């Protein structure tokens, strides 16, 4: 939960600069936050099933890799849609990281 809260808080601070740099509007920037939360919520059941089938440790490391790679992709994003896609996949990665316990 700390990772999710930290990530969302950091994005809320950065959104005005991102909106200005990408020449976007506020409704598009809302999807930067919403995609993360939506994909996290959508994959909870599947993530739990995968953790039960393949082991929590393995799924944790897969989630950590997904989160790290998508964080990098989000950091080098050249458009708002690339950022939204990276944030959506980060939501999947953070969920799988949290399934360890």
PDB file of N, CA and C in Angstrom:
ATOM      1  N   UNK A   1       0.817  -1.194   0.000  1.00  0.00           N
ATOM      2  CA  UNK A   1       0.000   0.000   0.000  1.00  0.00           C
ATOM      3  C   UNK A   1       0.863   1.261   0.000  1.00  0.00           C
ATOM      4  N   UNK A   2       2.027   1.166   0.653  1.00  0.00           N
ATOM      5  CA  UNK A   2       2.925   2.319   0.683  1.00  0.00           C
ATOM      6  C   UNK A   2       3.412   2.676  -0.716  1.00  0.00           C
ATOM      7  N   UNK A   3       3.714   1.662  -1.523  1.00  0.00           N
ATOM      8  CA  UNK A   3       4.172   1.898  -2.888  1.00  0.00           C
ATOM      9  C   UNK A   3       3.086   2.578  -3.710  1.00  0.00           C
ATOM     10  N   UNK A   4       1.852   2.135  -3.564  1.00  0.00           N
ATOM     11  CA  UNK A   4       0.742   2.727  -4.314  1.00  0.00           C
ATOM     12  C   UNK A   4       0.519   4.177  -3.882  1.00  0.00           C
ATOM     13  N   UNK A   5       0.472   4.411  -2.567  1.00  0.00           N
ATOM     14  CA  UNK A   5       0.240   5.766  -2.061  1.00  0.00           C
ATOM     15  C   UNK A   5       1.365   6.711  -2.466  1.00  0.00           C
ATOM     16  N   UNK A   6       2.594   6.234  -2.401  1.00  0.00           N
ATOM     17  CA  UNK A   6       3.740   7.060  -2.790  1.00  0.00           C
ATOM     18  C   UNK A   6       3.688   7.404  -4.278  1.00  0.00           C
ATOM     19  N   UNK A   7       3.359   6.430  -5.087  1.00  0.00           N
ATOM     20  CA  UNK A   7       3.325   6.639  -6.533  1.00  0.00           C
ATOM     21  C   UNK A   7       2.228   7.620  -6.927  1.00  0.00           C
ATOM     22  N   UNK A   8       1.046   7.453  -6.357  1.00  0.00           N
ATOM     23  CA  UNK A   8      -0.061   8.345  -6.704  1.00  0.00           C
ATOM     24  C   UNK A   8       0.224   9.760  -6.209  1.00  0.00           C
ATOM     25  N   UNK A   9       0.794   9.887  -5.022  1.00  0.00           N
ATOM     26  CA  UNK A   9       1.128  11.223  -4.494  1.00  0.00           C
ATOM     27  C   UNK A   9       2.157  11.922  -5.383  1.00  0.00           C
ATOM     28  N   UNK A  10       3.163  11.196  -5.811  1.00  0.00           N
ATOM     29  CA  UNK A  10       4.192  11.780  -6.672  1.00  0.00           C
ATOM     30  C   UNK A  10       3.607  12.204  -8.016  1.00  0.00           C
ATOM     31  N   UNK A  11       2.720  11.405  -8.560  1.00  0.00           N
ATOM     32  CA  UNK A  11       2.114  11.755  -9.846  1.00  0.00           C
ATOM     33  C   UNK A  11       1.221  12.980  -9.721  1.00  0.00           C
ATOM     34  N   UNK A  12       0.496  13.102  -8.611  1.00  0.00           N
ATOM     35  CA  UNK A  12      -0.361  14.278  -8.435  1.00  0.00           C
ATOM     36  C   UNK A  12       0.443  15.566  -8.432  1.00  0.00           C
ATOM     37  N   UNK A  13       1.626  15.530  -7.880  1.00  0.00           N
ATOM     38  CA  UNK A  13       2.488  16.713  -7.869  1.00  0.00           C
ATOM     39  C   UNK A  13       3.023  17.003  -9.266  1.00  0.00           C
ATOM     40  N   UNK A  14       3.316  15.962 -10.025  1.00  0.00           N
ATOM     41  CA  UNK A  14       3.940  16.124 -11.343  1.00  0.00           C
ATOM     42  C   UNK A  14       2.944  16.393 -12.470  1.00  0.00           C
ATOM     43  N   UNK A  15       1.667  16.139 -12.260  1.00  0.00           N
ATOM     44  CA  UNK A  15       0.695  16.255 -13.354  1.00  0.00           C
ATOM     45  C   UNK A  15       0.667  17.620 -14.040  1.00  0.00           C
ATOM     46  N   UNK A  16       0.710  18.738 -13.339  1.00  0.00           N
ATOM     47  CA  UNK A  16       0.704  20.022 -14.067  1.00  0.00           C
ATOM     48  C   UNK A  16       1.887  20.187 -15.019  1.00  0.00           C
ATOM     49  N   UNK A  17       3.062  19.748 -14.606  1.00  0.00           N
ATOM     50  CA  UNK A  17       4.233  19.836 -15.494  1.00  0.00           C
ATOM     51  C   UNK A  17       4.101  18.892 -16.675  1.00  0.00           C
ATOM     52  N   UNK A  18       3.595  17.694 -16.430  1.00  0.00           N
ATOM     53  CA  UNK A  18       3.405  16.727 -17.517  1.00  0.00           C
ATOM     54  C   UNK A  18       2.383  17.264 -18.515  1.00  0.00           C
ATOM     55  N   UNK A  19       1.292  17.819 -18.003  1.00  0.00           N
ATOM     56  CA  UNK A  19       0.257  18.387 -18.876  1.00  0.00           C
ATOM     57  C   UNK A  19       0.827  19.496 -19.753  1.00  0.00           C
ATOM     58  N   UNK A  20       1.642  20.346 -19.175  1.00  0.00           N
ATOM     59  CA  UNK A  20       2.262  21.446 -19.918  1.00  0.00           C
ATOM     60  C   UNK A  20       3.251  20.917 -20.962  1.00  0.00           C
ATOM     61  N   UNK A  21       4.087  19.947 -20.576  1.00  0.00           N
ATOM     62  CA  UNK A  21       5.100  19.426 -21.502  1.00  0.00           C
ATOM     63  C   UNK A  21       4.493  18.659 -22.677  1.00  0.00           C
ATOM     64  N   UNK A  22       3.413  17.920 -22.427  1.00  0.00           N
ATOM     65  CA  UNK A  22       2.781  17.137 -23.486  1.00  0.00           C
ATOM     66  C   UNK A  22       1.676  17.905 -24.214  1.00  0.00           C
ATOM     67  N   UNK A  23       1.424  19.157 -23.798  1.00  0.00           N
ATOM     68  CA  UNK A  23       0.367  19.983 -24.390  1.00  0.00           C
ATOM     69  C   UNK A  23      -0.964  19.241 -24.366  1.00  0.00           C
ATOM     70  N   UNK A  24      -1.286  18.669 -23.202  1.00  0.00           N
ATOM     71  CA  UNK A  24      -2.516  17.897 -23.025  1.00  0.00           C
ATOM     72  C   UNK A  24      -3.544  18.715 -22.271  1.00  0.00           C
ATOM     73  N   UNK A  25      -4.710  18.113 -22.113  1.00  0.00           N
ATOM     74  CA  UNK A  25      -5.742  18.729 -21.296  1.00  0.00           C
ATOM     75  C   UNK A  25      -5.930  17.917 -20.020  1.00  0.00           C
ATOM     76  N   UNK A  26      -6.713  18.451 -19.108  1.00  0.00           N
ATOM     77  CA  UNK A  26      -6.867  17.834 -17.794  1.00  0.00           C
ATOM     78  C   UNK A  26      -7.576  16.478 -17.878  1.00  0.00           C
ATOM     79  N   UNK A  27      -8.497  16.317 -18.807  1.00  0.00           N
ATOM     80  CA  UNK A  27      -9.202  15.037 -18.912  1.00  0.00           C
ATOM     81  C   UNK A  27      -8.263  13.920 -19.355  1.00  0.00           C
ATOM     82  N   UNK A  28      -7.302  14.220 -20.201  1.00  0.00           N
ATOM     83  CA  UNK A  28      -6.308  13.221 -20.590  1.00  0.00           C
ATOM     84  C   UNK A  28      -5.390  12.908 -19.422  1.00  0.00           C
ATOM     85  N   UNK A  29      -5.026  13.908 -18.656  1.00  0.00           N
ATOM     86  CA  UNK A  29      -4.139  13.697 -17.507  1.00  0.00           C
ATOM     87  C   UNK A  29      -4.813  12.902 -16.395  1.00  0.00           C
ATOM     88  N   UNK A  30      -6.134  12.968 -16.309  1.00  0.00           N
ATOM     89  CA  UNK A  30      -6.836  12.153 -15.320  1.00  0.00           C
ATOM     90  C   UNK A  30      -6.606  10.666 -15.582  1.00  0.00           C
ATOM     91  N   UNK A  31      -6.447  10.305 -16.837  1.00  0.00           N
ATOM     92  CA  UNK A  31      -6.216   8.902 -17.174  1.00  0.00           C
ATOM     93  C   UNK A  31      -4.840   8.416 -16.747  1.00  0.00           C
ATOM     94  N   UNK A  32      -3.918   9.326 -16.524  1.00  0.00           N
ATOM     95  CA  UNK A  32      -2.602   8.924 -16.008  1.00  0.00           C
ATOM     96  C   UNK A  32      -2.773   8.283 -14.632  1.00  0.00           C
ATOM     97  N   UNK A  33      -3.619   8.849 -13.804  1.00  0.00           N
ATOM     98  CA  UNK A  33      -3.908   8.286 -12.484  1.00  0.00           C
ATOM     99  C   UNK A  33      -4.906   7.140 -12.594  1.00  0.00           C
ATOM    100  N   UNK A  34      -5.964   7.333 -13.373  1.00  0.00           N
ATOM    101  CA  UNK A  34      -7.030   6.327 -13.460  1.00  0.00           C
ATOM    102  C   UNK A  34      -6.569   5.015 -14.067  1.00  0.00           C
ATOM    103  N   UNK A  35      -5.692   5.057 -15.056  1.00  0.00           N
ATOM    104  CA  UNK A  35      -5.219   3.820 -15.685  1.00  0.00           C
ATOM    105  C   UNK A  35      -4.494   2.952 -14.676  1.00  0.00           C
ATOM    106  N   UNK A  36      -3.695   3.568 -13.840  1.00  0.00           N
ATOM    107  CA  UNK A  36      -2.951   2.859 -12.790  1.00  0.00           C
ATOM    108  C   UNK A  36      -3.916   2.159 -11.834  1.00  0.00           C
ATOM    109  N   UNK A  37      -4.888   2.907 -11.323  1.00  0.00           N
ATOM    110  CA  UNK A  37      -5.842   2.346 -10.369  1.00  0.00           C
ATOM    111  C   UNK A  37      -6.755   1.319 -11.023  1.00  0.00           C
ATOM    112  N   UNK A  38      -7.188   1.575 -12.236  1.00  0.00           N
ATOM    113  CA  UNK A  38      -8.094   0.672 -12.938  1.00  0.00           C
ATOM    114  C   UNK A  38      -7.449  -0.677 -13.205  1.00  0.00           C
ATOM    115  N   UNK A  39      -6.230  -0.681 -13.719  1.00  0.00           N
ATOM    116  CA  UNK A  39      -5.572  -1.946 -14.021  1.00  0.00           C
ATOM    117  C   UNK A  39      -5.184  -2.706 -12.753  1.00  0.00           C
ATOM    118  N   UNK A  40      -4.885  -1.982 -11.681  1.00  0.00           N
ATOM    119  CA  UNK A  40      -4.618  -2.654 -10.411  1.00  0.00           C
ATOM    120  C   UNK A  40      -5.875  -3.368  -9.935  1.00  0.00           C
ATOM    121  N   UNK A  41      -7.000  -2.684  -9.982  1.00  0.00           N
ATOM    122  CA  UNK A  41      -8.261  -3.268  -9.520  1.00  0.00           C
ATOM    123  C   UNK A  41      -8.722  -4.412 -10.421  1.00  0.00           C
ATOM    124  N   UNK A  42      -8.509  -4.289 -11.714  1.00  0.00           N
ATOM    125  CA  UNK A  42      -8.980  -5.320 -12.652  1.00  0.00           C
ATOM    126  C   UNK A  42      -8.238  -6.640 -12.518  1.00  0.00           C
ATOM    127  N   UNK A  43      -7.011  -6.614 -12.048  1.00  0.00           N
ATOM    128  CA  UNK A  43      -6.215  -7.843 -12.056  1.00  0.00           C
ATOM    129  C   UNK A  43      -6.035  -8.470 -10.676  1.00  0.00           C
ATOM    130  N   UNK A  44      -6.788  -8.014  -9.690  1.00  0.00           N
ATOM    131  CA  UNK A  44      -6.623  -8.558  -8.339  1.00  0.00           C
ATOM    132  C   UNK A  44      -6.909 -10.051  -8.291  1.00  0.00           C
ATOM    133  N   UNK A  45      -8.019 -10.487  -8.844  1.00  0.00           N
ATOM    134  CA  UNK A  45      -8.391 -11.904  -8.782  1.00  0.00           C
ATOM    135  C   UNK A  45      -7.403 -12.766  -9.574  1.00  0.00           C
ATOM    136  N   UNK A  46      -7.061 -12.312 -10.765  1.00  0.00           N
ATOM    137  CA  UNK A  46      -6.103 -13.073 -11.574  1.00  0.00           C
ATOM    138  C   UNK A  46      -4.740 -13.133 -10.900  1.00  0.00           C
ATOM    139  N   UNK A  47      -4.325 -12.056 -10.286  1.00  0.00           N
ATOM    140  CA  UNK A  47      -3.036 -12.034  -9.597  1.00  0.00           C
ATOM    141  C   UNK A  47      -2.992 -12.999  -8.434  1.00  0.00           C
ATOM    142  N   UNK A  48      -4.065 -13.064  -7.674  1.00  0.00           N
ATOM    143  CA  UNK A  48      -4.130 -14.010  -6.560  1.00  0.00           C
ATOM    144  C   UNK A  48      -4.077 -15.448  -7.046  1.00  0.00           C
ATOM    145  N   UNK A  49      -4.776 -15.725  -8.133  1.00  0.00           N
ATOM    146  CA  UNK A  49      -4.756 -17.079  -8.690  1.00  0.00           C
ATOM    147  C   UNK A  49      -3.364 -17.444  -9.203  1.00  0.00           C
ATOM    148  N   UNK A  50      -2.703 -16.511  -9.871  1.00  0.00           N
ATOM    149  CA  UNK A  50      -1.343 -16.772 -10.359  1.00  0.00           C
ATOM    150  C   UNK A  50      -0.372 -17.004  -9.208  1.00  0.00           C
ATOM    151  N   UNK A  51      -0.533 -16.226  -8.130  1.00  0.00           N
ATOM    152  CA  UNK A  51       0.340 -16.396  -6.965  1.00  0.00           C
ATOM    153  C   UNK A  51       0.132 -17.763  -6.329  1.00  0.00           C
ATOM    154  N   UNK A  52      -1.099 -18.235  -6.302  1.00  0.00           N
ATOM    155  CA  UNK A  52      -1.376 -19.562  -5.748  1.00  0.00           C
ATOM    156  C   UNK A  52      -0.821 -20.667  -6.641  1.00  0.00           C
ATOM    157  N   UNK A  53      -0.883 -20.471  -7.942  1.00  0.00           N
ATOM    158  CA  UNK A  53      -0.427 -21.513  -8.871  1.00  0.00           C
ATOM    159  C   UNK A  53       1.091 -21.561  -8.998  1.00  0.00           C
ATOM    160  N   UNK A  54       1.742 -20.413  -9.073  1.00  0.00           N
ATOM    161  CA  UNK A  54       3.169 -20.369  -9.379  1.00  0.00           C
ATOM    162  C   UNK A  54       4.052 -19.947  -8.217  1.00  0.00           C
ATOM    163  N   UNK A  55       3.445 -19.587  -7.105  1.00  0.00           N
ATOM    164  CA  UNK A  55       4.222 -19.194  -5.944  1.00  0.00           C
ATOM    165  C   UNK A  55       4.298 -17.686  -5.817  1.00  0.00           C
ATOM    166  N   UNK A  56       4.143 -17.244  -4.589  1.00  0.00           N
ATOM    167  CA  UNK A  56       4.125 -15.805  -4.337  1.00  0.00           C
ATOM    168  C   UNK A  56       5.473 -15.152  -4.618  1.00  0.00           C
ATOM    169  N   UNK A  57       6.538 -15.831  -4.334  1.00  0.00           N
ATOM    170  CA  UNK A  57       7.877 -15.255  -4.551  1.00  0.00           C
ATOM    171  C   UNK A  57       8.131 -14.988  -6.034  1.00  0.00           C
ATOM    172  N   UNK A  58       7.813 -15.952  -6.863  1.00  0.00           N
ATOM    173  CA  UNK A  58       8.020 -15.795  -8.309  1.00  0.00           C
ATOM    174  C   UNK A  58       7.167 -14.656  -8.857  1.00  0.00           C
ATOM    175  N   UNK A  59       5.904 -14.599  -8.446  1.00  0.00           N
ATOM    176  CA  UNK A  59       5.008 -13.546  -8.917  1.00  0.00           C
ATOM    177  C   UNK A  59       5.464 -12.179  -8.399  1.00  0.00           C
ATOM    178  N   UNK A  60       5.988 -12.137  -7.169  1.00  0.00           N
ATOM    179  CA  UNK A  60       6.518 -10.879  -6.635  1.00  0.00           C
ATOM    180  C   UNK A  60       7.646 -10.350  -7.520  1.00  0.00           C
ATOM    181  N   UNK A  61       8.585 -11.214  -7.890  1.00  0.00           N
ATOM    182  CA  UNK A  61       9.706 -10.754  -8.710  1.00  0.00           C
ATOM    183  C   UNK A  61       9.264 -10.377 -10.122  1.00  0.00           C
ATOM    184  N   UNK A  62       8.311 -11.106 -10.664  1.00  0.00           N
ATOM    185  CA  UNK A  62       7.773 -10.729 -11.976  1.00  0.00           C
ATOM    186  C   UNK A  62       7.107  -9.363 -11.895  1.00  0.00           C
ATOM    187  N   UNK A  63       6.335  -9.148 -10.831  1.00  0.00           N
ATOM    188  CA  UNK A  63       5.686  -7.847 -10.634  1.00  0.00           C
ATOM    189  C   UNK A  63       6.684  -6.729 -10.458  1.00  0.00           C
ATOM    190  N   UNK A  64       7.758  -7.000  -9.725  1.00  0.00           N
ATOM    191  CA  UNK A  64       8.787  -5.974  -9.513  1.00  0.00           C
ATOM    192  C   UNK A  64       9.458  -5.599 -10.834  1.00  0.00           C
ATOM    193  N   UNK A  65       9.705  -6.588 -11.679  1.00  0.00           N
ATOM    194  CA  UNK A  65      10.316  -6.316 -12.990  1.00  0.00           C
ATOM    195  C   UNK A  65       9.347  -5.524 -13.866  1.00  0.00           C
ATOM    196  N   UNK A  66       8.082  -5.932 -13.887  1.00  0.00           N
ATOM    197  CA  UNK A  66       7.082  -5.192 -14.672  1.00  0.00           C
ATOM    198  C   UNK A  66       7.014  -3.746 -14.202  1.00  0.00           C
ATOM    199  N   UNK A  67       6.955  -3.550 -12.876  1.00  0.00           N
ATOM    200  CA  UNK A  67       6.857  -2.205 -12.327  1.00  0.00           C
ATOM    201  C   UNK A  67       8.089  -1.373 -12.682  1.00  0.00           C
ATOM    202  N   UNK A  68       9.272  -1.953 -12.544  1.00  0.00           N
ATOM    203  CA  UNK A  68      10.508  -1.212 -12.820  1.00  0.00           C
ATOM    204  C   UNK A  68      10.622  -0.842 -14.297  1.00  0.00           C
ATOM    205  N   UNK A  69      10.332  -1.792 -15.171  1.00  0.00           N
ATOM    206  CA  UNK A  69      10.437  -1.526 -16.614  1.00  0.00           C
ATOM    207  C   UNK A  69       9.416  -0.470 -17.034  1.00  0.00           C
ATOM    208  N   UNK A  70       8.197  -0.595 -16.547  1.00  0.00           N
ATOM    209  CA  UNK A  70       7.169   0.373 -16.927  1.00  0.00           C
ATOM    210  C   UNK A  70       7.414   1.737 -16.289  1.00  0.00           C
ATOM    211  N   UNK A  71       8.061   1.783 -15.129  1.00  0.00           N
ATOM    212  CA  UNK A  71       8.471   3.066 -14.558  1.00  0.00           C
ATOM    213  C   UNK A  71       9.472   3.758 -15.476  1.00  0.00           C
ATOM    214  N   UNK A  72      10.403   2.991 -16.008  1.00  0.00           N
ATOM    215  CA  UNK A  72      11.386   3.548 -16.943  1.00  0.00           C
ATOM    216  C   UNK A  72      10.694   4.030 -18.219  1.00  0.00           C
ATOM    217  N   UNK A  73       9.794   3.210 -18.749  1.00  0.00           N
ATOM    218  CA  UNK A  73       9.079   3.596 -19.972  1.00  0.00           C
ATOM    219  C   UNK A  73       8.253   4.860 -19.717  1.00  0.00           C
ATOM    220  N   UNK A  74       7.604   4.944 -18.566  1.00  0.00           N
ATOM    221  CA  UNK A  74       6.855   6.150 -18.221  1.00  0.00           C
ATOM    222  C   UNK A  74       7.762   7.362 -18.095  1.00  0.00           C
ATOM    223  N   UNK A  75       8.962   7.146 -17.591  1.00  0.00           N
ATOM    224  CA  UNK A  75       9.920   8.242 -17.443  1.00  0.00           C
ATOM    225  C   UNK A  75      10.430   8.787 -18.760  1.00  0.00           C
ATOM    226  N   UNK A  76      10.505   7.935 -19.773  1.00  0.00           N
ATOM    227  CA  UNK A  76      10.993   8.391 -21.078  1.00  0.00           C
ATOM    228  C   UNK A  76       9.854   8.591 -22.079  1.00  0.00           C
ATOM    229  N   UNK A  77       8.625   8.580 -21.580  1.00  0.00           N
ATOM    230  CA  UNK A  77       7.461   8.711 -22.465  1.00  0.00           C
ATOM    231  C   UNK A  77       7.552   9.991 -23.280  1.00  0.00           C
ATOM    232  N   UNK A  78       7.195   9.874 -24.544  1.00  0.00           N
ATOM    233  CA  UNK A  78       7.229  11.020 -25.445  1.00  0.00           C
ATOM    234  C   UNK A  78       5.829  11.559 -25.750  1.00  0.00           C
ATOM    235  N   UNK A  79       4.810  10.866 -25.267  1.00  0.00           N
ATOM    236  CA  UNK A  79       3.439  11.338 -25.465  1.00  0.00           C
ATOM    237  C   UNK A  79       2.610  10.964 -24.244  1.00  0.00           C
ATOM    238  N   UNK A  80       1.473  11.617 -24.135  1.00  0.00           N
ATOM    239  CA  UNK A  80       0.611  11.312 -23.005  1.00  0.00           C
ATOM    240  C   UNK A  80       0.042   9.900 -23.099  1.00  0.00           C
ATOM    241  N   UNK A  81      -0.202   9.406 -24.296  1.00  0.00           N
ATOM    242  CA  UNK A  81      -0.741   8.053 -24.442  1.00  0.00           C
ATOM    243  C   UNK A  81       0.300   6.990 -24.091  1.00  0.00           C
ATOM    244  N   UNK A  82       1.539   7.245 -24.385  1.00  0.00           N
ATOM    245  CA  UNK A  82       2.609   6.333 -23.979  1.00  0.00           C
ATOM    246  C   UNK A  82       2.710   6.298 -22.454  1.00  0.00           C
ATOM    247  N   UNK A  83       2.571   7.447 -21.821  1.00  0.00           N
ATOM    248  CA  UNK A  83       2.603   7.520 -20.368  1.00  0.00           C
ATOM    249  C   UNK A  83       1.414   6.787 -19.753  1.00  0.00           C
ATOM    250  N   UNK A  84       0.243   6.960 -20.323  1.00  0.00           N
ATOM    251  CA  UNK A  84      -0.944   6.280 -19.807  1.00  0.00           C
ATOM    252  C   UNK A  84      -0.782   4.764 -19.927  1.00  0.00           C
ATOM    253  N   UNK A  85      -0.270   4.283 -21.049  1.00  0.00           N
ATOM    254  CA  UNK A  85      -0.029   2.852 -21.216  1.00  0.00           C
ATOM    255  C   UNK A  85       0.977   2.311 -20.215  1.00  0.00           C
ATOM    256  N   UNK A  86       2.047   3.055 -20.004  1.00  0.00           N
ATOM    257  CA  UNK A  86       3.055   2.620 -19.039  1.00  0.00           C
ATOM    258  C   UNK A  86       2.473   2.596 -17.636  1.00  0.00           C
ATOM    259  N   UNK A  87       1.668   3.595 -17.292  1.00  0.00           N
ATOM    260  CA  UNK A  87       1.052   3.634 -15.963  1.00  0.00           C
ATOM    261  C   UNK A  87       0.077   2.486 -15.777  1.00  0.00           C
ATOM    262  N   UNK A  88      -0.654   2.116 -16.827  1.00  0.00           N
ATOM    263  CA  UNK A  88      -1.578   0.984 -16.722  1.00  0.00           C
ATOM    264  C   UNK A  88      -0.812  -0.301 -16.413  1.00  0.00           C
ATOM    265  N   UNK A  89       0.271  -0.532 -17.125  1.00  0.00           N
ATOM    266  CA  UNK A  89       1.060  -1.737 -16.877  1.00  0.00           C
ATOM    267  C   UNK A  89       1.793  -1.673 -15.541  1.00  0.00           C
ATOM    268  N   UNK A  90       2.125  -0.463 -15.083  1.00  0.00           N
ATOM    269  CA  UNK A  90       2.693  -0.317 -13.740  1.00  0.00           C
ATOM    270  C   UNK A  90       1.686  -0.764 -12.693  1.00  0.00           C
ATOM    271  N   UNK A  91       0.414  -0.503 -12.928  1.00  0.00           N
ATOM    272  CA  UNK A  91      -0.633  -0.931 -12.008  1.00  0.00           C
ATOM    273  C   UNK A  91      -0.687  -2.434 -11.868  1.00  0.00           C
ATOM    274  N   UNK A  92      -0.459  -3.139 -12.955  1.00  0.00           N
ATOM    275  CA  UNK A  92      -0.396  -4.606 -12.892  1.00  0.00           C
ATOM    276  C   UNK A  92       0.832  -5.031 -12.107  1.00  0.00           C
ATOM    277  N   UNK A  93       1.960  -4.417 -12.360  1.00  0.00           N
ATOM    278  CA  UNK A  93       3.197  -4.770 -11.665  1.00  0.00           C
ATOM    279  C   UNK A  93       3.121  -4.518 -10.175  1.00  0.00           C
ATOM    280  N   UNK A  94       2.545  -3.395  -9.767  1.00  0.00           N
ATOM    281  CA  UNK A  94       2.468  -3.086  -8.340  1.00  0.00           C
ATOM    282  C   UNK A  94       1.530  -4.052  -7.634  1.00  0.00           C
ATOM    283  N   UNK A  95       0.508  -4.496  -8.311  1.00  0.00           N
ATOM    284  CA  UNK A  95      -0.399  -5.481  -7.704  1.00  0.00           C
ATOM    285  C   UNK A  95       0.358  -6.774  -7.431  1.00  0.00           C
ATOM    286  N   UNK A  96       1.106  -7.256  -8.413  1.00  0.00           N
ATOM    287  CA  UNK A  96       1.818  -8.513  -8.234  1.00  0.00           C
ATOM    288  C   UNK A  96       2.921  -8.388  -7.192  1.00  0.00           C
ATOM    289  N   UNK A  97       3.504  -7.201  -7.045  1.00  0.00           N
ATOM    290  CA  UNK A  97       4.472  -6.991  -5.978  1.00  0.00           C
ATOM    291  C   UNK A  97       3.813  -7.117  -4.620  1.00  0.00           C
ATOM    292  N   UNK A  98       2.587  -6.659  -4.518  1.00  0.00           N
ATOM    293  CA  UNK A  98       1.882  -6.686  -3.246  1.00  0.00           C
ATOM    294  C   UNK A  98       1.336  -8.041  -2.862  1.00  0.00           C
ATOM    295  N   UNK A  99       1.359  -8.997  -3.756  1.00  0.00           N
ATOM    296  CA  UNK A  99       0.803 -10.318  -3.464  1.00  0.00           C
ATOM    297  C   UNK A  99       1.752 -11.217  -2.704  1.00  0.00           C
ATOM    298  N   UNK A 100       2.898 -10.710  -2.362  1.00  0.00           N
ATOM    299  CA  UNK A 100       3.873 -11.546  -1.669  1.00  0.00           C
ATOM    300  C   UNK A 100       3.326 -12.010  -0.328  1.00  0.00           C
ATOM    301  N   UNK A 101       2.603 -11.157   0.360  1.00  0.00           N
ATOM    302  CA  UNK A 101       2.120 -11.521   1.691  1.00  0.00           C
ATOM    303  C   UNK A 101       0.686 -11.838   1.647  1.00  0.00           C
TER     304      UNK A 101
END
